[in-house]
Protein backbone atom coordinates (compact mmCIF):
# COMPACT_ATOMS: atom_id res chain seq x y z
CA MET A 1 0.00 0.00 0.00
CA VAL A 2 2.74 2.48 0.98
CA LEU A 3 4.74 1.91 -2.21
CA GLN A 4 1.67 2.24 -4.40
CA LEU A 5 0.75 5.56 -2.80
CA ILE A 6 4.29 6.87 -3.34
CA GLN A 7 4.89 5.55 -6.84
CA ASN A 8 1.43 5.83 -8.39
CA GLU A 9 -0.59 8.39 -6.42
CA ASN A 10 1.88 11.27 -5.97
CA PHE A 11 2.20 10.87 -2.19
CA ASP A 12 5.36 11.94 -0.35
CA LEU A 13 6.68 9.72 2.42
CA ILE A 14 7.24 12.08 5.35
CA SER A 15 8.45 9.76 8.10
CA ILE A 16 9.00 6.16 9.15
CA ASN A 17 9.57 4.99 12.70
CA LYS A 18 12.59 2.88 13.62
CA GLU A 19 10.68 -0.41 13.68
CA GLN A 20 8.90 0.45 10.40
CA THR A 21 5.50 -0.08 11.92
CA GLU A 22 4.39 3.54 11.40
CA TYR A 23 4.34 5.41 8.08
CA LEU A 24 3.27 8.98 7.43
CA LEU A 25 2.54 10.19 3.89
CA GLU A 26 1.07 13.41 2.47
CA ARG A 27 -0.34 14.73 -0.79
CA LYS A 28 -1.43 18.28 -1.63
CA ARG A 29 -4.35 18.94 -3.94
CA LYS A 30 -5.43 22.55 -4.53
CA ASN A 31 -6.58 23.82 -1.12
CA LYS A 32 -6.65 20.35 0.44
CA LYS A 33 -3.99 18.13 1.97
CA ASP A 34 -4.37 14.39 2.55
CA VAL A 35 -2.23 12.94 5.32
CA VAL A 36 -2.18 9.13 5.43
CA HIS A 37 -0.99 7.47 8.61
CA ILE A 38 -0.46 3.73 8.24
CA SER A 39 0.12 1.74 11.42
CA MET A 40 0.78 -1.93 12.13
CA ASN A 41 0.30 -1.46 15.87
CA GLN A 42 -2.60 -3.23 17.51
CA MET A 43 -5.08 -0.90 19.27
CA ASP A 44 -7.09 -2.64 21.96
CA TRP A 45 -9.14 0.26 23.31
CA LYS A 46 -10.95 3.24 21.86
CA ARG A 47 -9.25 5.63 24.31
CA GLU A 48 -5.83 4.36 23.25
CA LEU A 49 -6.76 4.81 19.59
CA LEU A 50 -8.07 8.35 20.12
CA SER A 51 -5.04 9.43 22.15
CA PHE A 52 -2.59 8.07 19.58
CA ASN A 53 -4.38 9.78 16.68
CA LYS A 54 -4.58 13.14 18.48
CA HIS A 55 -0.91 13.04 19.38
CA LEU A 56 0.08 12.37 15.77
CA GLU A 57 -2.23 15.09 14.39
CA ASN A 58 -0.96 17.69 16.85
CA SER A 59 2.65 16.79 16.16
CA TYR A 60 2.11 17.06 12.40
CA THR A 61 0.30 20.42 12.46
CA LYS A 62 2.83 21.86 14.93
CA HIS A 63 5.69 21.32 12.47
CA GLN A 64 3.89 22.76 9.46
CA ALA A 65 5.02 26.15 8.15
CA THR A 66 2.76 29.00 9.31
CA THR A 67 1.14 30.75 6.36
CA ILE A 68 -1.77 33.10 5.71
CA TRP A 69 -3.48 30.54 3.47
CA LYS A 70 -4.40 27.42 5.41
CA LYS A 71 -5.15 24.15 3.65
CA ASN A 72 -7.93 21.84 4.73
CA ILE A 73 -6.20 18.80 6.22
CA HIS A 74 -7.77 15.35 6.09
CA PHE A 75 -6.03 12.75 8.25
CA HIS A 76 -6.52 9.11 7.24
CA HIS A 77 -5.49 6.77 10.06
CA VAL A 78 -5.11 3.28 8.57
CA TYR A 79 -4.57 0.47 11.07
CA VAL A 80 -3.55 -2.98 9.81
CA VAL A 81 -4.53 -5.13 12.81
CA ASP A 82 -5.52 -8.64 13.82
CA TYR A 83 -8.75 -7.50 15.45
CA GLN A 84 -10.65 -4.29 16.14
CA PRO A 85 -10.66 -2.51 19.54
CA VAL A 86 -12.79 -4.39 22.04
CA ASP A 87 -14.97 -1.40 22.96
CA SER A 88 -17.07 0.72 20.58
CA TRP A 89 -14.77 2.85 18.41
CA GLU A 90 -17.02 3.41 15.37
CA GLU A 91 -17.76 7.06 16.28
CA LEU A 92 -14.09 7.79 15.44
CA ARG A 93 -14.51 6.63 11.84
CA GLU A 94 -15.32 10.21 10.71
CA THR A 95 -14.71 13.33 12.85
CA SER A 96 -14.01 16.96 11.94
CA SER A 97 -13.23 20.36 13.48
CA ASN A 98 -12.39 23.70 11.82
CA ARG A 99 -10.21 22.93 8.77
CA MET A 100 -9.30 19.47 9.98
CA LYS A 101 -10.98 16.14 9.28
CA SER A 102 -10.03 12.75 10.66
CA SER A 103 -10.96 9.28 9.39
CA VAL A 104 -10.07 5.91 10.90
CA TYR A 105 -9.83 2.64 8.93
CA MET A 106 -9.52 -0.73 10.67
CA LEU A 107 -8.06 -3.33 8.31
CA ASP A 108 -8.62 -6.53 10.24
CA ILE A 109 -9.28 -9.89 8.58
CA ASP A 110 -13.06 -9.50 8.46
CA SER A 111 -13.39 -5.89 7.26
CA ARG A 112 -10.19 -5.43 5.21
CA GLU A 113 -11.76 -5.25 1.74
CA GLU A 114 -14.59 -2.96 2.85
CA GLU A 115 -12.22 -0.55 4.62
CA ILE A 116 -9.81 -0.47 1.67
CA GLU A 117 -12.68 0.49 -0.65
CA ARG A 118 -13.66 3.28 1.77
CA LEU A 119 -10.07 4.53 1.80
CA ILE A 120 -9.88 4.46 -2.03
CA ARG A 121 -13.05 6.56 -2.27
CA ALA A 122 -11.86 9.03 0.38
CA LEU A 123 -8.50 9.54 -1.35
CA ASP A 124 -9.98 9.47 -4.85
CA LEU A 125 -7.32 6.99 -5.93
CA ALA A 126 -6.88 6.06 -9.58
CA LEU A 127 -5.62 2.56 -8.70
CA SER A 128 -6.98 0.01 -6.30
CA PHE A 129 -4.83 -2.16 -4.08
CA GLN A 130 -5.26 -5.08 -1.76
CA ILE A 131 -3.37 -6.73 1.03
CA ASP A 132 -2.52 -10.36 0.32
CA VAL A 133 -2.20 -12.76 3.19
CA SER A 134 -0.20 -15.90 2.54
CA GLU A 135 -0.68 -19.04 4.56
CA ASP A 136 3.05 -19.71 4.31
CA LEU A 137 4.57 -17.88 7.28
CA MET A 138 8.09 -17.99 5.81
CA GLU A 139 6.88 -16.46 2.56
CA LEU A 140 4.88 -13.84 4.46
CA GLU A 141 7.89 -12.88 6.58
CA GLN A 142 10.18 -12.60 3.56
CA ARG A 143 7.60 -10.52 1.71
CA ASN A 144 7.32 -8.22 4.72
CA VAL A 145 11.11 -7.79 4.87
CA ASN A 146 11.33 -6.99 1.17
CA LEU A 147 8.48 -4.50 1.43
CA LYS A 148 10.11 -2.67 4.33
CA GLN A 149 13.41 -2.51 2.46
CA ASN A 150 11.73 -1.06 -0.63
CA ILE A 151 9.87 1.54 1.40
CA LEU A 152 13.01 2.51 3.28
CA PHE A 153 14.87 2.79 -0.03
CA GLU A 154 12.19 5.11 -1.46
CA HIS A 155 12.23 7.26 1.68
CA THR A 156 16.03 7.51 1.72
CA LYS A 157 16.10 8.38 -1.97
CA GLN A 158 13.57 11.17 -1.47
CA GLN A 159 15.49 12.59 1.49
CA GLN A 160 18.80 12.48 -0.41
CA GLN A 161 17.27 14.19 -3.45
CA LEU A 162 15.85 16.94 -1.22
CA GLN A 163 19.13 17.44 0.64
CA GLN A 164 21.12 17.45 -2.60
CA LEU A 165 19.13 20.44 -3.86
CA PHE A 166 20.57 22.52 -1.02
CA LYS A 167 24.16 21.31 -1.41
CA GLN A 168 25.14 22.69 -4.81
CA GLY A 169 27.71 25.03 -3.31
CA LYS A 170 29.18 26.37 -0.09
CA PRO A 171 28.73 30.06 0.74
CA PHE A 172 31.81 32.05 -0.25
CA TRP A 173 30.71 34.87 -2.52
CA THR A 174 28.00 35.88 -0.04
CA TYR A 175 30.62 36.47 2.64
CA LEU A 176 32.87 38.35 0.21
CA LEU A 177 29.97 40.59 -0.85
CA LEU A 178 29.19 41.26 2.80
CA ALA A 179 32.80 42.27 3.41
CA ILE A 180 32.92 44.58 0.35
CA ASN A 181 29.69 46.33 1.35
CA ILE A 182 30.89 46.88 4.91
CA VAL A 183 34.29 48.19 3.78
CA MET A 184 32.63 50.61 1.34
CA TYR A 185 30.32 51.86 4.09
CA ILE A 186 33.29 52.54 6.38
CA LEU A 187 35.09 54.38 3.57
CA LEU A 188 32.01 56.52 2.99
CA GLU A 189 31.72 57.39 6.67
CA PHE A 190 35.39 58.36 6.96
CA ASN A 191 35.31 60.45 3.77
CA GLY A 192 32.40 62.79 4.24
CA GLY A 193 29.63 60.52 5.53
CA SER A 194 27.25 58.02 3.96
CA THR A 195 24.32 60.47 4.01
CA SER A 196 26.11 63.23 2.09
CA THR A 197 24.63 63.59 -1.40
CA LYS A 198 27.87 64.94 -2.84
CA ASN A 199 29.86 62.14 -1.23
CA LEU A 200 27.50 59.46 -2.53
CA ILE A 201 27.75 60.82 -6.07
CA GLU A 202 31.55 60.92 -5.90
CA PHE A 203 31.69 57.31 -4.67
CA GLY A 204 29.40 56.05 -7.46
CA ALA A 205 25.76 56.20 -6.35
CA LYS A 206 22.99 55.88 -8.92
CA TYR A 207 22.83 59.37 -10.37
CA ASN A 208 20.61 59.60 -13.44
CA VAL A 209 22.30 62.63 -14.97
CA ALA A 210 25.71 60.98 -14.86
CA ILE A 211 24.33 57.68 -16.19
CA ILE A 212 22.84 59.46 -19.19
CA ASP A 213 26.25 61.05 -19.75
CA GLY A 214 27.80 57.57 -20.03
CA GLU A 215 28.68 56.61 -16.47
CA TRP A 216 26.80 53.30 -16.75
CA TRP A 217 29.15 51.73 -14.22
CA ARG A 218 27.11 53.47 -11.52
CA LEU A 219 24.49 50.72 -11.96
CA ILE A 220 27.09 48.38 -10.44
CA SER A 221 28.97 50.65 -8.03
CA SER A 222 25.72 51.82 -6.41
CA MET A 223 25.06 48.22 -5.33
CA PHE A 224 27.91 48.51 -2.80
CA LEU A 225 26.98 51.84 -1.21
CA HIS A 226 24.52 52.36 1.63
CA ILE A 227 22.91 55.45 3.13
CA GLY A 228 23.08 55.39 6.93
CA ILE A 229 23.65 52.65 9.49
CA ALA A 230 20.08 51.30 9.44
CA HIS A 231 20.22 50.84 5.67
CA ILE A 232 23.38 48.74 5.67
CA LEU A 233 22.39 46.70 8.73
CA LEU A 234 19.04 45.67 7.24
CA ASN A 235 20.53 44.86 3.84
CA MET A 236 23.48 42.90 5.20
CA PHE A 237 21.21 40.93 7.52
CA ALA A 238 19.03 39.98 4.52
CA LEU A 239 22.06 39.24 2.33
CA TYR A 240 23.54 36.92 4.95
CA TYR A 241 20.44 34.76 5.34
CA ILE A 242 19.07 34.82 1.79
CA GLY A 243 22.46 34.89 0.06
CA THR A 244 23.84 31.79 1.80
CA LEU A 245 20.65 29.88 0.96
CA VAL A 246 20.68 30.86 -2.72
CA GLU A 247 24.39 30.12 -3.03
CA ARG A 248 23.83 26.62 -1.60
CA ILE A 249 21.02 26.01 -4.10
CA TYR A 250 22.64 27.42 -7.25
CA GLY A 251 26.36 27.15 -6.51
CA GLY A 252 28.88 29.98 -6.30
CA THR A 253 29.25 31.03 -9.94
CA ARG A 254 25.53 30.93 -10.70
CA PHE A 255 24.78 32.81 -7.49
CA LEU A 256 27.18 35.59 -8.44
CA ILE A 257 25.69 35.90 -11.93
CA ILE A 258 22.15 36.08 -10.50
CA TYR A 259 23.24 38.68 -7.93
CA PHE A 260 24.76 41.03 -10.49
CA ILE A 261 21.98 40.55 -13.05
CA ALA A 262 19.41 41.41 -10.38
CA GLY A 263 21.41 44.39 -9.14
CA ILE A 264 21.84 45.81 -12.65
CA VAL A 265 18.19 45.30 -13.66
CA GLY A 266 17.15 46.82 -10.32
CA GLY A 267 19.45 49.78 -11.01
CA LEU A 268 17.96 50.20 -14.49
CA ALA A 269 14.44 50.17 -13.05
CA SER A 270 15.48 52.78 -10.48
CA PHE A 271 17.01 54.88 -13.27
CA ALA A 272 13.77 54.66 -15.26
CA LEU A 273 11.33 55.30 -12.42
CA ASN A 274 13.13 57.13 -9.63
CA PRO A 275 14.91 60.47 -10.19
CA SER A 276 16.50 60.52 -6.75
CA ILE A 277 20.11 59.68 -6.06
CA ALA A 278 20.03 56.08 -4.83
CA ALA A 279 22.32 53.37 -3.50
CA GLY A 280 22.13 49.99 -1.83
CA ALA A 281 22.11 46.24 -2.37
CA SER A 282 18.30 45.99 -2.11
CA GLY A 283 17.77 45.34 -5.82
CA ALA A 284 20.27 42.48 -5.82
CA ILE A 285 18.82 41.05 -2.59
CA PHE A 286 15.31 41.14 -4.04
CA GLY A 287 16.82 39.33 -7.01
CA LEU A 288 17.83 36.52 -4.66
CA PHE A 289 14.19 36.29 -3.60
CA GLY A 290 13.35 36.06 -7.30
CA ALA A 291 15.85 33.21 -7.67
CA LEU A 292 14.11 31.37 -4.82
CA LEU A 293 10.74 31.84 -6.54
CA PHE A 294 12.21 30.38 -9.72
CA PHE A 295 13.54 27.45 -7.67
CA GLY A 296 9.99 26.98 -6.39
CA SER A 297 8.65 26.86 -9.94
CA GLN A 298 11.10 24.06 -10.81
CA TYR A 299 10.94 22.13 -7.53
CA PRO A 300 7.53 22.99 -6.01
CA LYS A 301 7.49 20.11 -3.52
CA ALA A 302 10.92 20.91 -2.11
CA PHE A 303 10.14 24.64 -2.13
CA PHE A 304 6.87 24.43 -0.23
CA ARG A 305 8.17 21.78 2.13
CA THR A 306 11.14 23.92 3.19
CA MET A 307 10.32 27.63 2.74
CA GLY A 308 7.37 28.06 0.39
CA TRP A 309 4.74 30.53 1.51
CA ASN A 310 7.07 32.10 4.07
CA ILE A 311 9.29 33.44 1.25
CA ILE A 312 6.27 34.60 -0.77
CA ILE A 313 4.75 36.38 2.23
CA VAL A 314 8.05 38.13 3.05
CA ILE A 315 8.23 39.42 -0.55
CA ILE A 316 4.61 40.64 -0.47
CA ILE A 317 5.12 42.38 2.89
CA ASN A 318 8.28 44.10 1.64
CA ILE A 319 6.58 45.31 -1.53
CA ILE A 320 3.55 46.63 0.40
CA PHE A 321 5.85 48.29 2.94
CA GLY A 322 7.87 49.79 0.11
CA PHE A 323 4.85 51.43 -1.49
CA SER A 324 3.77 52.86 1.88
CA MET A 325 7.18 54.54 2.40
CA PRO A 326 7.97 57.15 -0.31
CA GLN A 327 11.73 57.13 0.34
CA ILE A 328 12.03 53.43 -0.53
CA ASP A 329 13.15 52.70 -4.09
CA ASN A 330 10.38 50.35 -5.23
CA GLY A 331 11.64 50.40 -8.80
CA ALA A 332 14.93 48.86 -7.72
CA HIS A 333 13.15 46.26 -5.56
CA ILE A 334 10.66 45.08 -8.18
CA GLY A 335 13.21 45.34 -10.99
CA GLY A 336 15.66 43.30 -8.94
CA LEU A 337 13.01 40.68 -8.15
CA ILE A 338 12.19 40.24 -11.85
CA GLY A 339 15.85 40.35 -12.85
CA GLY A 340 16.76 37.70 -10.28
CA ALA A 341 14.01 35.34 -11.44
CA ILE A 342 15.00 35.72 -15.10
CA GLY A 343 18.71 35.47 -14.20
CA ALA A 344 18.02 32.21 -12.39
CA ALA A 345 16.29 30.89 -15.51
CA VAL A 346 19.34 31.87 -17.56
CA VAL A 347 21.87 29.99 -15.38
CA MET A 348 19.47 27.19 -14.27
CA PHE A 349 20.83 24.50 -11.92
CA LYS A 350 23.87 22.25 -11.99
CA GLN A 351 21.66 19.18 -12.07
CA ARG A 352 19.23 20.52 -14.65
CA SER A 353 20.23 22.14 -17.94
CA LYS A 354 17.73 23.29 -20.56
CA ILE A 355 19.46 25.01 -23.48
CA LEU A 356 16.27 26.23 -25.19
CA TRP A 357 14.81 27.43 -21.89
CA GLN A 358 18.03 29.23 -20.97
CA THR A 359 18.36 30.82 -24.41
CA ALA A 360 14.78 32.10 -24.23
CA ALA A 361 15.42 33.44 -20.73
CA LEU A 362 18.56 35.24 -21.93
CA LEU A 363 16.63 36.87 -24.78
CA LEU A 364 13.91 37.87 -22.33
CA LEU A 365 16.54 39.38 -20.02
CA LEU A 366 18.01 41.45 -22.87
CA LEU A 367 14.53 42.53 -23.97
CA VAL A 368 13.49 43.56 -20.44
CA SER A 369 16.76 45.36 -19.71
CA GLY A 370 16.76 47.16 -23.06
CA GLY A 371 13.11 48.11 -22.68
CA ILE A 372 13.69 49.58 -19.21
CA TRP A 373 16.75 51.51 -20.46
CA PHE A 374 14.90 53.08 -23.41
CA TYR A 375 11.88 53.85 -21.27
CA GLY A 376 14.11 55.51 -18.69
CA ASN A 377 15.78 57.70 -21.30
CA ALA A 378 12.38 58.73 -22.67
CA ASN A 379 10.80 59.33 -19.25
CA GLU A 380 11.23 63.11 -19.12
CA GLU A 381 9.30 63.48 -15.86
CA VAL A 382 12.04 61.47 -14.15
CA GLN A 383 15.13 62.63 -16.03
CA PHE A 384 14.12 66.32 -15.84
CA ASP A 385 12.93 66.07 -12.24
CA GLU A 386 13.44 69.50 -10.67
CA THR A 387 15.12 68.23 -7.51
CA LEU A 388 17.62 66.29 -9.59
CA GLN A 389 18.26 69.33 -11.78
CA VAL A 390 18.87 71.61 -8.80
CA ILE A 391 21.50 69.19 -7.47
CA HIS A 392 23.03 68.77 -10.92
CA SER A 393 23.21 72.51 -11.58
CA HIS A 394 24.81 73.15 -8.17
CA MET A 395 27.56 70.66 -9.00
CA LEU A 396 28.11 72.17 -12.46
CA LEU A 397 28.37 75.67 -10.99
CA GLU A 398 30.94 74.44 -8.46
CA GLN A 399 32.93 73.10 -11.40
CA GLU A 400 32.48 76.48 -13.18
CA GLN A 401 30.76 74.79 -16.14
CA TYR A 402 28.50 77.77 -16.83
CA GLU A 403 27.62 77.00 -20.43
CA LYS A 404 26.52 73.47 -19.57
CA THR A 405 24.61 74.75 -16.53
CA TYR A 406 22.70 77.16 -18.74
CA GLU A 407 21.88 74.45 -21.29
CA VAL A 408 20.81 71.90 -18.67
CA LEU A 409 18.53 74.33 -16.82
CA THR A 410 16.98 75.68 -20.02
CA LYS A 411 15.93 72.11 -20.93
CA ALA A 412 14.66 71.47 -17.40
CA MET A 413 12.71 74.73 -16.99
CA PRO A 414 9.45 73.48 -18.65
CA TYR A 415 9.26 70.82 -15.91
CA ALA A 416 9.81 73.30 -13.05
CA ASP A 417 7.19 73.44 -10.31
CA LYS A 418 7.94 73.87 -6.61
CA LEU A 419 11.63 74.52 -7.20
CA GLU A 420 11.27 76.96 -10.08
CA ALA A 421 12.81 79.74 -7.99
CA GLU A 422 15.94 77.69 -7.29
CA LEU A 423 16.28 76.63 -10.92
CA ARG A 424 15.93 80.18 -12.19
CA PHE A 425 18.41 81.50 -9.62
CA ASN A 426 21.01 78.93 -10.69
CA ARG A 427 20.45 79.74 -14.35
CA SER A 428 20.78 83.46 -13.63
CA TYR A 429 24.11 82.78 -11.92
CA ALA A 430 25.37 80.97 -15.03
CA SER A 431 23.96 83.72 -17.26
CA ILE A 432 25.95 86.39 -15.42
CA PHE A 433 29.22 84.59 -16.15
CA LEU A 434 28.13 84.15 -19.77
CA ASN A 435 27.43 87.91 -20.05
CA LYS A 436 23.72 87.32 -20.56
CA ASN A 437 22.68 89.97 -18.07
CA GLN A 438 19.21 90.61 -19.44
CA GLU A 439 18.35 86.91 -19.19
CA ALA A 440 19.78 86.86 -15.68
CA ILE A 441 17.61 89.85 -14.70
CA THR A 442 14.50 88.15 -16.11
CA ASP A 443 15.23 84.95 -14.15
CA LEU A 444 15.97 86.84 -10.93
CA GLU A 445 12.81 88.94 -11.18
CA ARG A 446 10.78 85.79 -11.63
CA THR A 447 12.64 84.16 -8.73
CA ILE A 448 11.72 87.04 -6.38
CA GLU A 449 8.14 86.98 -7.63
CA ILE A 450 7.88 83.30 -6.68
CA LYS A 451 9.96 83.54 -3.50
CA PRO A 452 10.14 87.11 -2.12
CA GLU A 453 12.36 86.05 0.82
CA TYR A 454 15.10 84.70 -1.45
CA HIS A 455 17.75 87.17 -0.25
CA GLU A 456 20.53 85.82 -2.49
CA ALA A 457 18.35 86.60 -5.51
CA LEU A 458 17.59 90.07 -4.14
CA TYR A 459 21.29 90.81 -3.76
CA ASN A 460 22.29 89.52 -7.22
CA LEU A 461 19.46 91.43 -8.88
CA ALA A 462 20.52 94.59 -7.02
CA LEU A 463 24.03 94.17 -8.42
CA LEU A 464 22.64 93.91 -11.96
CA TYR A 465 20.33 96.89 -11.45
CA HIS A 466 23.30 98.92 -10.20
CA GLU A 467 25.24 98.08 -13.36
CA GLU A 468 22.31 99.43 -15.38
CA ASN A 469 22.13 102.61 -13.25
CA ARG A 470 18.82 101.64 -11.69
CA ARG A 471 19.94 102.95 -8.29
CA GLU A 472 16.59 103.32 -6.52
CA GLU A 473 15.43 99.84 -7.51
CA ALA A 474 18.75 98.41 -6.38
CA LEU A 475 18.43 100.20 -2.99
CA ASP A 476 14.93 98.76 -2.44
CA LEU A 477 16.18 95.24 -3.15
CA LEU A 478 19.23 95.64 -0.92
CA LYS A 479 17.13 96.95 1.94
CA LYS A 480 14.97 93.82 1.80
CA ALA A 481 18.08 91.59 1.57
CA VAL A 482 19.61 93.23 4.67
CA GLU A 483 16.34 92.78 6.59
CA LEU A 484 16.22 89.11 5.65
CA ALA A 485 19.92 88.46 6.36
CA PRO A 486 21.10 91.15 8.81
CA ASN A 487 24.36 89.34 9.57
CA ASN A 488 25.53 89.25 5.98
CA GLN A 489 28.40 91.77 5.74
CA ASP A 490 28.42 91.88 1.93
CA TYR A 491 24.76 92.95 1.86
CA GLN A 492 25.30 95.55 4.57
CA GLN A 493 28.45 97.02 3.01
CA PHE A 494 26.99 97.29 -0.50
CA TYR A 495 23.78 98.87 0.86
CA GLU A 496 25.70 101.50 2.83
CA GLN A 497 27.99 102.34 -0.11
CA LEU A 498 25.03 102.64 -2.46
CA GLN A 499 23.19 104.91 0.00
CA LYS A 500 26.25 107.19 0.30
CA GLY A 501 26.82 107.17 -3.43
CA THR A 502 30.41 106.02 -3.07
CA ILE A 503 30.01 103.42 -5.78
């Protein structure tokens, strides 16, 4: 019976006791799970039978993975006995509570055929089976020995196959990646801080403007930078636990390929959807989750027996949490998840190679990556984001690249909204050095109209008015600038000189 259930009815043998008198098998069907418990132990009393069944059911459910979606469990307790319990046990034949149902089958000499038929109907078996009883005790004993050996062989083979899936490699690259990330974080902290925007850009954070200019390597370098202590602690904790698992499943080389594919695709998605300067290993780590999902698609039994819904729920919670927190780069997370799953399909497993499948996955990876890249370049709302352009123009002005500053801000101005004053002020600064004073005046006048308390704009406009002999207008602007920034000596000195007419 046990062998037939394993070989012909898609049951998994979960456990065998030392004496091989107790067998536990399970089979999952949609939202239902059948658990078959076969026992050769004689039960003399109803109370003994009930206690034994309850203990087994509680032990089984206790060791099941906790998930949101619960399956209906139907326990089938099959007892192969010489005689039935002496007291009335029939009320235990069918019992149920909540999502759990329990059935008892007593296969003694008199009722064996009837009980087997009831079991076949309950399990909806495609094949029937029967228990033969030989009158030759020697033959019966030998048959029993052979049967136990075959069952034990099947169980051992299943356990070895399951264990082998998680022994494809020993963690090495995970530890090296951990070390690199930690070293880079320390370097950031000792060279300006990990939360400094300028410092992050200099060290290679994802910076859309620079990527468009050809610094594509930032898609990789940004994977090793983290912003603040909480960021690196959370990511390294996840990398340690998920990375070692994925590396054991896929092996070192495949793990590394998956990690970088996921990180790059995550970086591309961030480039396409998120204008902010970004850094972190989150995209690559989500890619490792994607690799586990792909593993589940290829080995569903092993996946759901070991991690299953727990991994899926963690991913869902992280995605929901990400969308509820605006500072989290969801593009990198989802892009990394997809990239990791496709990357896993490209490299496959040591023990399973599918050239056509892998080729199709590689083409899909190139198509997805290329599509994200072209979309990102065409997504003007992201690439001309005003916050990004203010940061970019500040850096260009520090480098005294006035012509480029003017060009960049002129392209970005149609997308200006809340930061229009800052964009116009920066463009006016570049215009002054390019001898475009009239354009600078226009930008500064608009800046003050939007933001009357912008004292730097008041001062610069006063300087330009003075050059055009518009003394009274310049005095009015300087007076406001001094009121707004009374400790600024340049404002005060220029105002006093202009009042006295010494300049």
